[in-house]
Amino acid sequence: MVSISKIAYNFFFIYWAKVGILVFFAKEKTFYFLEFPKYLKIKYFYN
């Protein structure tokens, strides 16, 4: 059960992350075009 719930959690997290990114890019293209790479660096290098 733990592994199944983990897979489901990861799937939904990735899915909503993609949806969120698309919505944010649609709303504020310029800001996220400039800031999102910085956010990714912070998220993956300092996590």
Protein backbone atom coordinates (compact mmCIF):
# COMPACT_ATOMS: atom_id res chain seq x y z
CA MET A 1 0.00 0.00 0.00
CA VAL A 2 2.81 2.41 0.81
CA SER A 3 4.46 2.05 -2.61
CA ILE A 4 1.13 2.42 -4.42
CA SER A 5 0.25 5.57 -2.49
CA LYS A 6 3.73 6.96 -3.12
CA ILE A 7 3.38 6.38 -6.87
CA ALA A 8 -0.08 7.97 -6.86
CA TYR A 9 1.21 10.95 -4.85
CA ASN A 10 4.15 11.46 -7.22
CA PHE A 11 1.88 11.17 -10.27
CA PHE A 12 -0.58 13.75 -8.99
CA PHE A 13 2.21 16.05 -7.84
CA ILE A 14 3.81 15.97 -11.30
CA TYR A 15 0.42 16.38 -13.00
CA TRP A 16 -0.59 19.41 -10.92
CA ALA A 17 2.90 20.88 -11.23
CA LYS A 18 2.55 20.74 -15.03
CA VAL A 19 -0.94 22.27 -14.90
CA GLY A 20 0.26 24.96 -12.52
CA ILE A 21 3.25 25.80 -14.72
CA LEU A 22 1.02 26.07 -17.79
CA VAL A 23 -1.45 28.33 -15.97
CA PHE A 24 1.32 30.53 -14.58
CA PHE A 25 3.01 30.84 -17.97
CA ALA A 26 -0.31 31.75 -19.55
CA LYS A 27 -1.02 34.42 -16.92
CA GLU A 28 2.42 35.96 -16.38
CA LYS A 29 4.67 34.81 -19.22
CA THR A 30 7.39 37.42 -18.80
CA PHE A 31 7.77 37.07 -15.03
CA TYR A 32 7.90 33.28 -15.05
CA PHE A 33 10.10 33.16 -18.12
CA LEU A 34 12.67 35.14 -16.13
CA GLU A 35 12.10 33.79 -12.62
CA PHE A 36 11.24 30.11 -13.14
CA PRO A 37 14.81 28.99 -14.01
CA LYS A 38 16.01 30.61 -10.76
CA TYR A 39 13.26 28.80 -8.86
CA LEU A 40 14.30 25.48 -10.38
CA LYS A 41 17.94 26.08 -9.42
CA ILE A 42 16.95 26.91 -5.84
CA LYS A 43 14.60 23.92 -5.64
CA TYR A 44 16.99 21.29 -6.99
CA PHE A 45 20.37 22.51 -5.77
CA TYR A 46 19.43 23.52 -2.23
CA ASN A 47 16.86 20.84 -1.42
